[in-house]
C-alpha atoms as a PDB file:
ATOM      1  CA  UNK A   1      -4.455  41.223  33.172  1.00  0.00           C
ATOM      2  CA  UNK A   2      -4.421  41.179  36.984  1.00  0.00           C
ATOM      3  CA  UNK A   3      -2.467  44.281  38.176  1.00  0.00           C
ATOM      4  CA  UNK A   4      -0.715  42.383  40.988  1.00  0.00           C
ATOM      5  CA  UNK A   5       0.368  39.769  38.486  1.00  0.00           C
ATOM      6  CA  UNK A   6       1.786  42.417  36.158  1.00  0.00           C
ATOM      7  CA  UNK A   7       3.697  44.032  39.034  1.00  0.00           C
ATOM      8  CA  UNK A   8       5.048  40.660  40.067  1.00  0.00           C
ATOM      9  CA  UNK A   9       6.318  40.021  36.579  1.00  0.00           C
ATOM     10  CA  UNK A  10       8.357  43.178  36.760  1.00  0.00           C
ATOM     11  CA  UNK A  11       9.618  42.912  40.340  1.00  0.00           C
ATOM     12  CA  UNK A  12       8.750  39.549  41.910  1.00  0.00           C
ATOM     13  CA  UNK A  13      11.523  37.166  42.910  1.00  0.00           C
ATOM     14  CA  UNK A  14      11.841  33.807  41.149  1.00  0.00           C
ATOM     15  CA  UNK A  15      11.342  30.429  42.717  1.00  0.00           C
ATOM     16  CA  UNK A  16      11.280  26.927  41.322  1.00  0.00           C
ATOM     17  CA  UNK A  17       8.369  24.508  41.366  1.00  0.00           C
ATOM     18  CA  UNK A  18       8.421  20.764  42.052  1.00  0.00           C
ATOM     19  CA  UNK A  19       9.470  20.103  38.461  1.00  0.00           C
ATOM     20  CA  UNK A  20      12.118  22.856  38.555  1.00  0.00           C
ATOM     21  CA  UNK A  21       9.901  25.170  36.546  1.00  0.00           C
ATOM     22  CA  UNK A  22      10.539  28.885  37.244  1.00  0.00           C
ATOM     23  CA  UNK A  23       7.819  30.412  39.479  1.00  0.00           C
ATOM     24  CA  UNK A  24       6.872  33.880  40.675  1.00  0.00           C
ATOM     25  CA  UNK A  25       5.795  34.989  44.144  1.00  0.00           C
ATOM     26  CA  UNK A  26       2.613  36.905  43.466  1.00  0.00           C
ATOM     27  CA  UNK A  27       1.736  39.269  46.330  1.00  0.00           C
ATOM     28  CA  UNK A  28      -1.767  40.061  47.464  1.00  0.00           C
ATOM     29  CA  UNK A  29      -4.822  38.412  49.042  1.00  0.00           C
ATOM     30  CA  UNK A  30      -5.401  34.885  47.852  1.00  0.00           C
ATOM     31  CA  UNK A  31      -2.161  34.886  45.860  1.00  0.00           C
ATOM     32  CA  UNK A  32       0.497  32.218  46.112  1.00  0.00           C
ATOM     33  CA  UNK A  33       3.524  30.899  44.303  1.00  0.00           C
ATOM     34  CA  UNK A  34       2.619  29.880  40.747  1.00  0.00           C
ATOM     35  CA  UNK A  35       4.579  28.581  37.776  1.00  0.00           C
ATOM     36  CA  UNK A  36       5.122  31.286  35.202  1.00  0.00           C
ATOM     37  CA  UNK A  37       3.000  29.460  32.612  1.00  0.00           C
ATOM     38  CA  UNK A  38       0.089  28.666  35.001  1.00  0.00           C
ATOM     39  CA  UNK A  39      -3.349  30.052  34.101  1.00  0.00           C
ATOM     40  CA  UNK A  40      -4.490  33.007  36.178  1.00  0.00           C
ATOM     41  CA  UNK A  41      -8.194  33.678  36.651  1.00  0.00           C
ATOM     42  CA  UNK A  42      -8.921  31.388  33.734  1.00  0.00           C
ATOM     43  CA  UNK A  43      -6.439  33.108  31.411  1.00  0.00           C
ATOM     44  CA  UNK A  44      -3.193  31.599  30.145  1.00  0.00           C
ATOM     45  CA  UNK A  45      -0.248  33.970  29.657  1.00  0.00           C
ATOM     46  CA  UNK A  46       0.461  34.763  26.035  1.00  0.00           C
ATOM     47  CA  UNK A  47       3.569  33.303  24.333  1.00  0.00           C
ATOM     48  CA  UNK A  48       5.390  36.646  24.325  1.00  0.00           C
ATOM     49  CA  UNK A  49       4.645  37.074  28.051  1.00  0.00           C
ATOM     50  CA  UNK A  50       6.006  33.600  28.817  1.00  0.00           C
ATOM     51  CA  UNK A  51       9.104  34.312  26.757  1.00  0.00           C
ATOM     52  CA  UNK A  52       9.508  37.578  28.656  1.00  0.00           C
ATOM     53  CA  UNK A  53       9.265  35.747  31.961  1.00  0.00           C
ATOM     54  CA  UNK A  54      12.041  33.383  30.975  1.00  0.00           C
ATOM     55  CA  UNK A  55      14.184  36.318  30.011  1.00  0.00           C
ATOM     56  CA  UNK A  56      13.492  37.939  33.390  1.00  0.00           C
ATOM     57  CA  UNK A  57      14.626  34.872  35.274  1.00  0.00           C
ATOM     58  CA  UNK A  58      17.983  34.477  33.624  1.00  0.00           C
ATOM     59  CA  UNK A  59      19.679  31.131  33.232  1.00  0.00           C
ATOM     60  CA  UNK A  60      16.755  29.071  34.528  1.00  0.00           C
ATOM     61  CA  UNK A  61      14.341  30.571  32.017  1.00  0.00           C
ATOM     62  CA  UNK A  62      16.812  30.304  29.163  1.00  0.00           C
ATOM     63  CA  UNK A  63      17.509  26.667  29.998  1.00  0.00           C
ATOM     64  CA  UNK A  64      13.797  25.871  30.006  1.00  0.00           C
ATOM     65  CA  UNK A  65      13.343  27.664  26.686  1.00  0.00           C
ATOM     66  CA  UNK A  66      16.306  25.853  25.121  1.00  0.00           C
ATOM     67  CA  UNK A  67      15.008  22.502  26.363  1.00  0.00           C
ATOM     68  CA  UNK A  68      11.596  23.147  24.829  1.00  0.00           C
ATOM     69  CA  UNK A  69      13.077  24.266  21.517  1.00  0.00           C
ATOM     70  CA  UNK A  70      15.272  21.171  21.189  1.00  0.00           C
ATOM     71  CA  UNK A  71      12.538  18.711  22.115  1.00  0.00           C
ATOM     72  CA  UNK A  72      11.674  16.662  19.023  1.00  0.00           C
ATOM     73  CA  UNK A  73       8.045  15.834  18.227  1.00  0.00           C
ATOM     74  CA  UNK A  74       7.082  12.221  18.691  1.00  0.00           C
ATOM     75  CA  UNK A  75       6.905  10.237  15.488  1.00  0.00           C
ATOM     76  CA  UNK A  76       5.218   6.947  14.801  1.00  0.00           C
ATOM     77  CA  UNK A  77       7.736   4.184  14.119  1.00  0.00           C
ATOM     78  CA  UNK A  78       7.849   3.057  10.478  1.00  0.00           C
ATOM     79  CA  UNK A  79       5.834  -0.075   9.706  1.00  0.00           C
ATOM     80  CA  UNK A  80       7.803  -3.277  10.085  1.00  0.00           C
ATOM     81  CA  UNK A  81       8.565  -5.080   6.807  1.00  0.00           C
ATOM     82  CA  UNK A  82       7.596  -8.320   8.589  1.00  0.00           C
ATOM     83  CA  UNK A  83       4.393  -7.929  10.647  1.00  0.00           C
ATOM     84  CA  UNK A  84       4.274 -11.562  11.828  1.00  0.00           C
ATOM     85  CA  UNK A  85       7.706 -12.416  13.207  1.00  0.00           C
ATOM     86  CA  UNK A  86       6.361 -15.434  15.111  1.00  0.00           C
ATOM     87  CA  UNK A  87       4.599 -16.954  12.083  1.00  0.00           C
ATOM     88  CA  UNK A  88       7.172 -19.174  10.319  1.00  0.00           C
ATOM     89  CA  UNK A  89       5.116 -20.239   7.299  1.00  0.00           C
ATOM     90  CA  UNK A  90       5.648 -20.388   4.448  1.00  0.00           C
ATOM     91  CA  UNK A  91       9.176 -21.712   4.183  1.00  0.00           C
ATOM     92  CA  UNK A  92      10.820 -22.060   0.732  1.00  0.00           C
ATOM     93  CA  UNK A  93      10.143 -25.826   0.647  1.00  0.00           C
ATOM     94  CA  UNK A  94       6.418 -25.250   1.280  1.00  0.00           C
ATOM     95  CA  UNK A  95       6.281 -22.633  -1.472  1.00  0.00           C
ATOM     96  CA  UNK A  96       7.890 -24.986  -3.974  1.00  0.00           C
ATOM     97  CA  UNK A  97       5.643 -27.916  -3.019  1.00  0.00           C
ATOM     98  CA  UNK A  98       2.449 -25.869  -3.333  1.00  0.00           C
ATOM     99  CA  UNK A  99       3.563 -24.337  -6.640  1.00  0.00           C
ATOM    100  CA  UNK A 100       4.310 -27.774  -8.079  1.00  0.00           C
ATOM    101  CA  UNK A 101       1.002 -29.220  -6.811  1.00  0.00           C
ATOM    102  CA  UNK A 102      -1.054 -26.420  -8.357  1.00  0.00           C
ATOM    103  CA  UNK A 103       0.950 -26.471 -11.584  1.00  0.00           C
ATOM    104  CA  UNK A 104       0.411 -30.225 -11.960  1.00  0.00           C
ATOM    105  CA  UNK A 105      -3.311 -29.836 -11.274  1.00  0.00           C
ATOM    106  CA  UNK A 106      -4.145 -26.758 -13.389  1.00  0.00           C
ATOM    107  CA  UNK A 107      -1.225 -26.359 -15.769  1.00  0.00           C
ATOM    108  CA  UNK A 108      -0.113 -22.773 -16.146  1.00  0.00           C
ATOM    109  CA  UNK A 109      -3.125 -20.456 -16.734  1.00  0.00           C
ATOM    110  CA  UNK A 110      -3.458 -19.269 -20.342  1.00  0.00           C
ATOM    111  CA  UNK A 111      -4.420 -15.733 -19.321  1.00  0.00           C
ATOM    112  CA  UNK A 112      -1.062 -15.227 -17.595  1.00  0.00           C
ATOM    113  CA  UNK A 113       1.054 -17.186 -20.089  1.00  0.00           C
ATOM    114  CA  UNK A 114       2.247 -14.159 -22.154  1.00  0.00           C
ATOM    115  CA  UNK A 115       3.543 -12.430 -19.016  1.00  0.00           C
ATOM    116  CA  UNK A 116       5.321 -15.601 -17.894  1.00  0.00           C
ATOM    117  CA  UNK A 117       6.885 -16.082 -21.307  1.00  0.00           C
ATOM    118  CA  UNK A 118       8.301 -12.542 -21.296  1.00  0.00           C
ATOM    119  CA  UNK A 119       9.776 -13.050 -17.835  1.00  0.00           C
ATOM    120  CA  UNK A 120      11.379 -16.354 -18.780  1.00  0.00           C
ATOM    121  CA  UNK A 121      12.786 -14.935 -22.004  1.00  0.00           C
ATOM    122  CA  UNK A 122      14.299 -12.020 -20.115  1.00  0.00           C
ATOM    123  CA  UNK A 123      15.985 -14.492 -17.765  1.00  0.00           C
ATOM    124  CA  UNK A 124      17.126 -16.718 -20.638  1.00  0.00           C
ATOM    125  CA  UNK A 125      14.944 -19.616 -19.467  1.00  0.00           C
ATOM    126  CA  UNK A 126      12.758 -19.829 -22.591  1.00  0.00           C
ATOM    127  CA  UNK A 127      14.226 -19.969 -26.106  1.00  0.00           C
ATOM    128  CA  UNK A 128      11.247 -21.580 -27.847  1.00  0.00           C
ATOM    129  CA  UNK A 129       9.485 -19.786 -30.748  1.00  0.00           C
ATOM    130  CA  UNK A 130       7.228 -17.014 -29.507  1.00  0.00           C
ATOM    131  CA  UNK A 131       3.579 -17.534 -30.581  1.00  0.00           C
ATOM    132  CA  UNK A 132       3.101 -13.764 -30.336  1.00  0.00           C
ATOM    133  CA  UNK A 133       5.483 -13.187 -33.246  1.00  0.00           C
ATOM    134  CA  UNK A 134       3.856 -12.098 -36.496  1.00  0.00           C
ATOM    135  CA  UNK A 135       4.424 -13.786 -39.881  1.00  0.00           C
ATOM    136  CA  UNK A 136       7.660 -11.828 -40.407  1.00  0.00           C
ATOM    137  CA  UNK A 137       9.096 -13.107 -37.155  1.00  0.00           C
ATOM    138  CA  UNK A 138       8.802  -9.775 -35.322  1.00  0.00           C
ATOM    139  CA  UNK A 139       7.426 -10.083 -31.788  1.00  0.00           C
ATOM    140  CA  UNK A 140       4.411  -7.978 -30.944  1.00  0.00           C
ATOM    141  CA  UNK A 141       5.384  -5.154 -28.600  1.00  0.00           C
ATOM    142  CA  UNK A 142       4.622  -5.784 -24.930  1.00  0.00           C
ATOM    143  CA  UNK A 143       2.069  -3.490 -23.294  1.00  0.00           C
ATOM    144  CA  UNK A 144       3.473  -0.209 -22.039  1.00  0.00           C
ATOM    145  CA  UNK A 145       3.677   0.469 -18.323  1.00  0.00           C
ATOM    146  CA  UNK A 146       0.965   3.106 -18.664  1.00  0.00           C
ATOM    147  CA  UNK A 147      -1.339   0.720 -20.528  1.00  0.00           C
ATOM    148  CA  UNK A 148      -0.778  -1.797 -17.751  1.00  0.00           C
ATOM    149  CA  UNK A 149      -1.522   0.715 -15.011  1.00  0.00           C
ATOM    150  CA  UNK A 150      -4.768   1.880 -16.633  1.00  0.00           C
ATOM    151  CA  UNK A 151      -5.828  -1.724 -17.289  1.00  0.00           C
ATOM    152  CA  UNK A 152      -5.211  -2.551 -13.629  1.00  0.00           C
ATOM    153  CA  UNK A 153      -7.169   0.507 -12.502  1.00  0.00           C
ATOM    154  CA  UNK A 154     -10.088  -0.577 -14.678  1.00  0.00           C
ATOM    155  CA  UNK A 155      -9.971  -4.089 -13.172  1.00  0.00           C
ATOM    156  CA  UNK A 156     -10.863  -2.809  -9.708  1.00  0.00           C
ATOM    157  CA  UNK A 157     -14.212  -4.253  -8.552  1.00  0.00           C
ATOM    158  CA  UNK A 158     -14.794  -6.184 -11.772  1.00  0.00           C
ATOM    159  CA  UNK A 159     -13.530  -9.202 -13.696  1.00  0.00           C
ATOM    160  CA  UNK A 160     -10.439  -9.264 -15.886  1.00  0.00           C
ATOM    161  CA  UNK A 161     -12.515  -9.976 -18.998  1.00  0.00           C
ATOM    162  CA  UNK A 162     -14.736  -6.940 -18.418  1.00  0.00           C
ATOM    163  CA  UNK A 163     -11.791  -4.683 -17.606  1.00  0.00           C
ATOM    164  CA  UNK A 164     -10.072  -5.705 -20.862  1.00  0.00           C
ATOM    165  CA  UNK A 165     -13.236  -4.825 -22.762  1.00  0.00           C
ATOM    166  CA  UNK A 166     -13.377  -1.434 -21.040  1.00  0.00           C
ATOM    167  CA  UNK A 167      -9.719  -0.763 -21.889  1.00  0.00           C
ATOM    168  CA  UNK A 168     -10.280  -1.658 -25.553  1.00  0.00           C
ATOM    169  CA  UNK A 169     -13.235   0.746 -25.688  1.00  0.00           C
ATOM    170  CA  UNK A 170     -11.110   3.482 -24.087  1.00  0.00           C
ATOM    171  CA  UNK A 171      -8.321   3.072 -26.655  1.00  0.00           C
ATOM    172  CA  UNK A 172     -10.826   3.094 -29.503  1.00  0.00           C
ATOM    173  CA  UNK A 173     -12.367   6.357 -28.281  1.00  0.00           C
ATOM    174  CA  UNK A 174      -9.027   8.034 -27.443  1.00  0.00           C
ATOM    175  CA  UNK A 175      -6.059   7.147 -29.698  1.00  0.00           C
ATOM    176  CA  UNK A 176      -3.693   9.159 -27.453  1.00  0.00           C
ATOM    177  CA  UNK A 177      -3.511   9.756 -23.697  1.00  0.00           C
ATOM    178  CA  UNK A 178      -3.297  13.513 -24.236  1.00  0.00           C
ATOM    179  CA  UNK A 179      -6.797  13.409 -25.703  1.00  0.00           C
ATOM    180  CA  UNK A 180      -8.064  11.848 -22.468  1.00  0.00           C
ATOM    181  CA  UNK A 181      -6.560  14.684 -20.416  1.00  0.00           C
ATOM    182  CA  UNK A 182      -7.607  17.478 -22.780  1.00  0.00           C
ATOM    183  CA  UNK A 183     -11.280  16.473 -22.859  1.00  0.00           C
ATOM    184  CA  UNK A 184     -13.129  19.187 -20.957  1.00  0.00           C
ATOM    185  CA  UNK A 185     -15.472  17.217 -18.698  1.00  0.00           C
ATOM    186  CA  UNK A 186     -14.462  13.591 -19.122  1.00  0.00           C
ATOM    187  CA  UNK A 187     -17.949  12.425 -20.101  1.00  0.00           C
ATOM    188  CA  UNK A 188     -16.719  10.610 -23.206  1.00  0.00           C
ATOM    189  CA  UNK A 189     -14.216   8.722 -21.078  1.00  0.00           C
ATOM    190  CA  UNK A 190     -16.946   7.717 -18.647  1.00  0.00           C
ATOM    191  CA  UNK A 191     -19.092   6.443 -21.511  1.00  0.00           C
ATOM    192  CA  UNK A 192     -16.181   4.483 -22.976  1.00  0.00           C
ATOM    193  CA  UNK A 193     -15.410   2.595 -19.750  1.00  0.00           C
ATOM    194  CA  UNK A 194     -18.958   2.325 -18.414  1.00  0.00           C
ATOM    195  CA  UNK A 195     -19.104  -1.423 -19.009  1.00  0.00           C
ATOM    196  CA  UNK A 196     -16.452  -1.876 -16.292  1.00  0.00           C
ATOM    197  CA  UNK A 197     -18.531  -0.235 -13.552  1.00  0.00           C
ATOM    198  CA  UNK A 198     -17.772   2.774 -11.334  1.00  0.00           C
ATOM    199  CA  UNK A 199     -17.232   4.785 -14.518  1.00  0.00           C
ATOM    200  CA  UNK A 200     -17.278   8.255 -12.931  1.00  0.00           C
ATOM    201  CA  UNK A 201     -14.794   7.329 -10.191  1.00  0.00           C
ATOM    202  CA  UNK A 202     -12.417   5.462 -12.483  1.00  0.00           C
ATOM    203  CA  UNK A 203     -12.550   8.173 -15.166  1.00  0.00           C
ATOM    204  CA  UNK A 204     -11.713  10.895 -12.641  1.00  0.00           C
ATOM    205  CA  UNK A 205      -8.780   8.891 -11.255  1.00  0.00           C
ATOM    206  CA  UNK A 206      -7.405   8.056 -14.698  1.00  0.00           C
ATOM    207  CA  UNK A 207      -7.579  11.682 -15.834  1.00  0.00           C
ATOM    208  CA  UNK A 208      -5.986  12.946 -12.600  1.00  0.00           C
ATOM    209  CA  UNK A 209      -3.184  10.394 -12.885  1.00  0.00           C
ATOM    210  CA  UNK A 210      -2.489  11.219 -16.543  1.00  0.00           C
ATOM    211  CA  UNK A 211      -2.543  14.946 -15.823  1.00  0.00           C
ATOM    212  CA  UNK A 212      -0.136  14.482 -12.917  1.00  0.00           C
ATOM    213  CA  UNK A 213       2.289  12.474 -15.053  1.00  0.00           C
ATOM    214  CA  UNK A 214       2.265  15.131 -17.781  1.00  0.00           C
ATOM    215  CA  UNK A 215       2.823  17.956 -15.301  1.00  0.00           C
ATOM    216  CA  UNK A 216       5.750  16.181 -13.619  1.00  0.00           C
ATOM    217  CA  UNK A 217       7.391  14.550 -16.632  1.00  0.00           C
ATOM    218  CA  UNK A 218       6.439  16.840 -19.530  1.00  0.00           C
ATOM    219  CA  UNK A 219       4.762  13.970 -21.394  1.00  0.00           C
ATOM    220  CA  UNK A 220       2.390  11.139 -20.570  1.00  0.00           C
ATOM    221  CA  UNK A 221       4.724   8.161 -20.335  1.00  0.00           C
ATOM    222  CA  UNK A 222       5.745   5.813 -17.518  1.00  0.00           C
ATOM    223  CA  UNK A 223       8.491   3.836 -19.232  1.00  0.00           C
ATOM    224  CA  UNK A 224      11.049   5.477 -16.946  1.00  0.00           C
ATOM    225  CA  UNK A 225       9.721   3.254 -14.145  1.00  0.00           C
ATOM    226  CA  UNK A 226      11.486   0.279 -15.734  1.00  0.00           C
ATOM    227  CA  UNK A 227      14.814   1.662 -14.527  1.00  0.00           C
ATOM    228  CA  UNK A 228      13.695   2.190 -10.917  1.00  0.00           C
ATOM    229  CA  UNK A 229      13.840  -0.136  -7.932  1.00  0.00           C
ATOM    230  CA  UNK A 230      10.715  -1.726  -6.466  1.00  0.00           C
ATOM    231  CA  UNK A 231      10.593   0.785  -3.603  1.00  0.00           C
ATOM    232  CA  UNK A 232      11.080   3.711  -5.991  1.00  0.00           C
ATOM    233  CA  UNK A 233       8.236   2.486  -8.217  1.00  0.00           C
ATOM    234  CA  UNK A 234       5.974   2.202  -5.164  1.00  0.00           C
ATOM    235  CA  UNK A 235       6.798   5.788  -4.205  1.00  0.00           C
ATOM    236  CA  UNK A 236       6.135   7.078  -7.722  1.00  0.00           C
ATOM    237  CA  UNK A 237       2.794   5.336  -8.242  1.00  0.00           C
ATOM    238  CA  UNK A 238       1.409   5.681  -4.717  1.00  0.00           C
ATOM    239  CA  UNK A 239       1.246   9.445  -5.093  1.00  0.00           C
ATOM    240  CA  UNK A 240      -1.853   9.060  -7.287  1.00  0.00           C
ATOM    241  CA  UNK A 241      -5.322   8.708  -5.782  1.00  0.00           C
ATOM    242  CA  UNK A 242      -6.909   5.306  -6.251  1.00  0.00           C
ATOM    243  CA  UNK A 243      -3.613   3.495  -6.821  1.00  0.00           C
ATOM    244  CA  UNK A 244      -3.131   1.337  -3.738  1.00  0.00           C
ATOM    245  CA  UNK A 245      -0.680  -1.424  -2.791  1.00  0.00           C
ATOM    246  CA  UNK A 246      -2.470  -4.142  -4.783  1.00  0.00           C
ATOM    247  CA  UNK A 247      -2.567  -2.071  -7.980  1.00  0.00           C
ATOM    248  CA  UNK A 248       1.097  -1.117  -7.612  1.00  0.00           C
ATOM    249  CA  UNK A 249       2.076  -4.742  -6.955  1.00  0.00           C
ATOM    250  CA  UNK A 250       0.219  -5.914 -10.076  1.00  0.00           C
ATOM    251  CA  UNK A 251       2.006  -3.320 -12.216  1.00  0.00           C
ATOM    252  CA  UNK A 252       5.327  -4.378 -10.700  1.00  0.00           C
ATOM    253  CA  UNK A 253       4.785  -8.080 -11.316  1.00  0.00           C
ATOM    254  CA  UNK A 254       3.013  -8.107 -14.694  1.00  0.00           C
ATOM    255  CA  UNK A 255       4.199  -5.003 -16.531  1.00  0.00           C
ATOM    256  CA  UNK A 256       7.603  -4.260 -14.995  1.00  0.00           C
ATOM    257  CA  UNK A 257       8.595  -7.918 -14.514  1.00  0.00           C
ATOM    258  CA  UNK A 258       9.711  -7.246 -10.941  1.00  0.00           C
ATOM    259  CA  UNK A 259       9.576  -9.808  -8.150  1.00  0.00           C
ATOM    260  CA  UNK A 260       6.506  -8.882  -6.143  1.00  0.00           C
ATOM    261  CA  UNK A 261       3.479 -10.740  -4.793  1.00  0.00           C
ATOM    262  CA  UNK A 262       0.094  -8.958  -5.009  1.00  0.00           C
ATOM    263  CA  UNK A 263      -2.575 -10.040  -2.545  1.00  0.00           C
ATOM    264  CA  UNK A 264      -6.154 -10.012  -3.797  1.00  0.00           C
ATOM    265  CA  UNK A 265      -9.231 -11.709  -2.343  1.00  0.00           C
ATOM    266  CA  UNK A 266      -8.333 -15.130  -3.777  1.00  0.00           C
ATOM    267  CA  UNK A 267      -4.728 -15.008  -2.599  1.00  0.00           C
ATOM    268  CA  UNK A 268      -5.690 -13.884   0.912  1.00  0.00           C
ATOM    269  CA  UNK A 269      -8.377 -16.541   1.242  1.00  0.00           C
ATOM    270  CA  UNK A 270      -6.159 -19.420   0.103  1.00  0.00           C
ATOM    271  CA  UNK A 271      -3.020 -18.413   2.003  1.00  0.00           C
ATOM    272  CA  UNK A 272      -5.184 -18.053   5.090  1.00  0.00           C
ATOM    273  CA  UNK A 273      -6.683 -21.517   4.543  1.00  0.00           C
ATOM    274  CA  UNK A 274      -3.287 -23.217   4.171  1.00  0.00           C
ATOM    275  CA  UNK A 275      -1.851 -21.423   7.188  1.00  0.00           C
ATOM    276  CA  UNK A 276       0.612 -19.144   5.418  1.00  0.00           C
ATOM    277  CA  UNK A 277      -0.833 -16.074   7.137  1.00  0.00           C
ATOM    278  CA  UNK A 278      -2.633 -15.754  10.499  1.00  0.00           C
ATOM    279  CA  UNK A 279      -6.411 -16.024  10.456  1.00  0.00           C
ATOM    280  CA  UNK A 280      -6.737 -12.347  11.414  1.00  0.00           C
ATOM    281  CA  UNK A 281      -4.351 -11.072   8.727  1.00  0.00           C
ATOM    282  CA  UNK A 282      -5.476  -8.073   6.708  1.00  0.00           C
ATOM    283  CA  UNK A 283      -4.660  -7.839   3.025  1.00  0.00           C
ATOM    284  CA  UNK A 284      -1.981  -5.205   3.709  1.00  0.00           C
ATOM    285  CA  UNK A 285      -0.234  -7.255   6.401  1.00  0.00           C
ATOM    286  CA  UNK A 286      -0.528 -10.444   4.378  1.00  0.00           C
ATOM    287  CA  UNK A 287       1.197  -8.635   1.511  1.00  0.00           C
ATOM    288  CA  UNK A 288       4.150  -7.693   3.723  1.00  0.00           C
ATOM    289  CA  UNK A 289       4.410 -11.151   5.275  1.00  0.00           C
ATOM    290  CA  UNK A 290       4.162 -13.144   2.047  1.00  0.00           C
ATOM    291  CA  UNK A 291       6.599 -10.925   0.183  1.00  0.00           C
ATOM    292  CA  UNK A 292       9.147 -11.436   2.932  1.00  0.00           C
ATOM    293  CA  UNK A 293       8.693 -15.239   2.981  1.00  0.00           C
ATOM    294  CA  UNK A 294       8.115 -16.409  -0.605  1.00  0.00           C
ATOM    295  CA  UNK A 295      11.298 -16.788  -2.692  1.00  0.00           C
ATOM    296  CA  UNK A 296      11.493 -14.307  -5.557  1.00  0.00           C
ATOM    297  CA  UNK A 297      11.734 -16.992  -8.227  1.00  0.00           C
ATOM    298  CA  UNK A 298       8.417 -18.530  -7.096  1.00  0.00           C
ATOM    299  CA  UNK A 299       6.353 -15.375  -6.582  1.00  0.00           C
ATOM    300  CA  UNK A 300       5.029 -15.009 -10.123  1.00  0.00           C
ATOM    301  CA  UNK A 301       3.971 -18.636 -10.626  1.00  0.00           C
ATOM    302  CA  UNK A 302       2.453 -18.957  -7.155  1.00  0.00           C
ATOM    303  CA  UNK A 303       0.473 -15.750  -7.475  1.00  0.00           C
ATOM    304  CA  UNK A 304      -1.014 -16.646 -10.864  1.00  0.00           C
ATOM    305  CA  UNK A 305      -1.831 -20.176  -9.696  1.00  0.00           C
ATOM    306  CA  UNK A 306      -3.450 -18.960  -6.467  1.00  0.00           C
ATOM    307  CA  UNK A 307      -5.673 -16.561  -8.419  1.00  0.00           C
ATOM    308  CA  UNK A 308      -6.678 -19.302 -10.858  1.00  0.00           C
ATOM    309  CA  UNK A 309      -7.246 -21.862  -8.105  1.00  0.00           C
ATOM    310  CA  UNK A 310      -9.319 -19.382  -6.114  1.00  0.00           C
ATOM    311  CA  UNK A 311     -11.632 -18.904  -9.081  1.00  0.00           C
ATOM    312  CA  UNK A 312     -12.033 -22.621  -9.811  1.00  0.00           C
ATOM    313  CA  UNK A 313     -11.956 -24.379  -6.414  1.00  0.00           C
ATOM    314  CA  UNK A 314     -14.839 -23.246  -4.226  1.00  0.00           C
ATOM    315  CA  UNK A 315     -14.245 -25.919  -1.577  1.00  0.00           C
ATOM    316  CA  UNK A 316     -10.736 -24.658  -0.780  1.00  0.00           C
ATOM    317  CA  UNK A 317     -12.048 -21.435   0.737  1.00  0.00           C
ATOM    318  CA  UNK A 318     -14.298 -23.340   3.152  1.00  0.00           C
ATOM    319  CA  UNK A 319     -11.709 -25.504   4.880  1.00  0.00           C
ATOM    320  CA  UNK A 320     -10.648 -22.963   7.459  1.00  0.00           C
ATOM    321  CA  UNK A 321     -12.893 -23.728  10.406  1.00  0.00           C
ATOM    322  CA  UNK A 322     -13.610 -27.277   9.288  1.00  0.00           C
ATOM    323  CA  UNK A 323     -16.497 -26.411   6.946  1.00  0.00           C
ATOM    324  CA  UNK A 324     -16.983 -28.234   3.670  1.00  0.00           C
ATOM    325  CA  UNK A 325     -19.110 -27.607   0.612  1.00  0.00           C
ATOM    326  CA  UNK A 326     -21.457 -30.214  -0.826  1.00  0.00           C
ATOM    327  CA  UNK A 327     -18.753 -31.147  -3.339  1.00  0.00           C
ATOM    328  CA  UNK A 328     -15.852 -33.405  -2.399  1.00  0.00           C
ATOM    329  CA  UNK A 329     -12.546 -31.901  -1.295  1.00  0.00           C
ATOM    330  CA  UNK A 330     -10.602 -34.976  -2.346  1.00  0.00           C
ATOM    331  CA  UNK A 331      -9.778 -33.458  -5.743  1.00  0.00           C
ATOM    332  CA  UNK A 332      -8.359 -30.217  -4.321  1.00  0.00           C
ATOM    333  CA  UNK A 333      -4.547 -30.286  -4.600  1.00  0.00           C
ATOM    334  CA  UNK A 334      -4.307 -28.176  -1.438  1.00  0.00           C
ATOM    335  CA  UNK A 335      -6.552 -30.412   0.683  1.00  0.00           C
ATOM    336  CA  UNK A 336      -3.624 -31.774   2.693  1.00  0.00           C
ATOM    337  CA  UNK A 337      -2.279 -28.259   3.342  1.00  0.00           C
ATOM    338  CA  UNK A 338      -5.459 -26.612   4.571  1.00  0.00           C
ATOM    339  CA  UNK A 339      -5.891 -25.776   8.253  1.00  0.00           C
ATOM    340  CA  UNK A 340      -8.962 -27.614   9.447  1.00  0.00           C
ATOM    341  CA  UNK A 341     -10.362 -27.036  12.894  1.00  0.00           C
ATOM    342  CA  UNK A 342      -8.746 -30.265  14.135  1.00  0.00           C
ATOM    343  CA  UNK A 343      -5.286 -29.240  12.871  1.00  0.00           C
ATOM    344  CA  UNK A 344      -5.563 -25.835  14.482  1.00  0.00           C
ATOM    345  CA  UNK A 345      -6.226 -27.435  17.889  1.00  0.00           C
ATOM    346  CA  UNK A 346      -3.117 -29.612  17.707  1.00  0.00           C
END
C-alpha cells in the first residue's frame, strides 16, 4: 500500500465529500482529497481497512456504517394475482353462456364424467345411482392423489389415452411405489412407461418425486394434501422438478376436487380466440387471469368442455385474425363469441 496513504490513515484529518462521505487529506505530490473507499493506484481498500477508517473518523464513520448495515436489499415485487387489470372479460354471465352453449353442443365429455360425478356427489348435487358401483353396491375407490399426480406427469407431451396405458403398465410392473424408488437404476420403470414418450426424463422425475415424499413424510403417500388449501397444495407439489403450474392445477381440479382452472394448449387457444385473454397472453398469465375471473362453480365444466371442444373443433382456433378453415364455422357454438379481425378493429 502507498506509504503516504498509510500515514494519512493514521494521522490525516477528515473531510466530507459531496455526498457527505468521510474523506482523507492525503499529503504528497499528486495527492488530493479522496473518499475513504476510493481506489488508490488501481487498488480498492480492503473491508477491514474501510471499517478501520470509519472507526478513526468517529460519529461520521459510524453513521455511514450503520446506514449501510440497515440498508435492505432490493426485492422483486411478488407477482400480481391479476396480470390484466384492464381486461374485463370474462364476466360471470359470459362464463355461464359459453358453458351452456358448449354443454348443449357436446354434452358432457365421457372421459371427465367420473370426476364430475364425484364433485357433484360431494356437493350433494347428484343422488342418482353410481355406475361405478360394483354388484354389491360398493363404489369403486377413487384414484389416490399420488396416482393422479403420476398419471398427470405421464400425460405431459402425449395424449390422455397413451398416458393411461403407460400408467397401467407402470402399476403392473411395480405393485407398490416403494418398489419404484428402491429399483437401483430405474431401467425397468423406463421400459414400463416407454409407450408414453420421454421415458428417461419422466422416470427420473417420478423416482425423484417419490423419494422426496418418502424422505419428508416417512411413507409414499399424498393423501394429506386433501386437507390443505389450494395455495398450500401448490407449495407442496411445486417443490418437485417437472411439476409445473399446469400439472398442479390438474391435480387440484381432478384429484383433489378443488376449484382451479388449468390452462393447456386448447384452453389458451380458445380463450384467446373468444377474447377472454389478451392476444399476447402466456399460459402462465392466462392461468392467473382466468382463475381470477371465472366463477368457482363453473371452472370444472368450462375447463373440460374447452379441452373437448379444442380437440374436436379445428375451425375455432383459426378465427383470431379472421382466418377460416375450408370447413364451415356455422356449426361452431362459439362462432359468435370469437374475435375476428373486424371485431378487433371496432
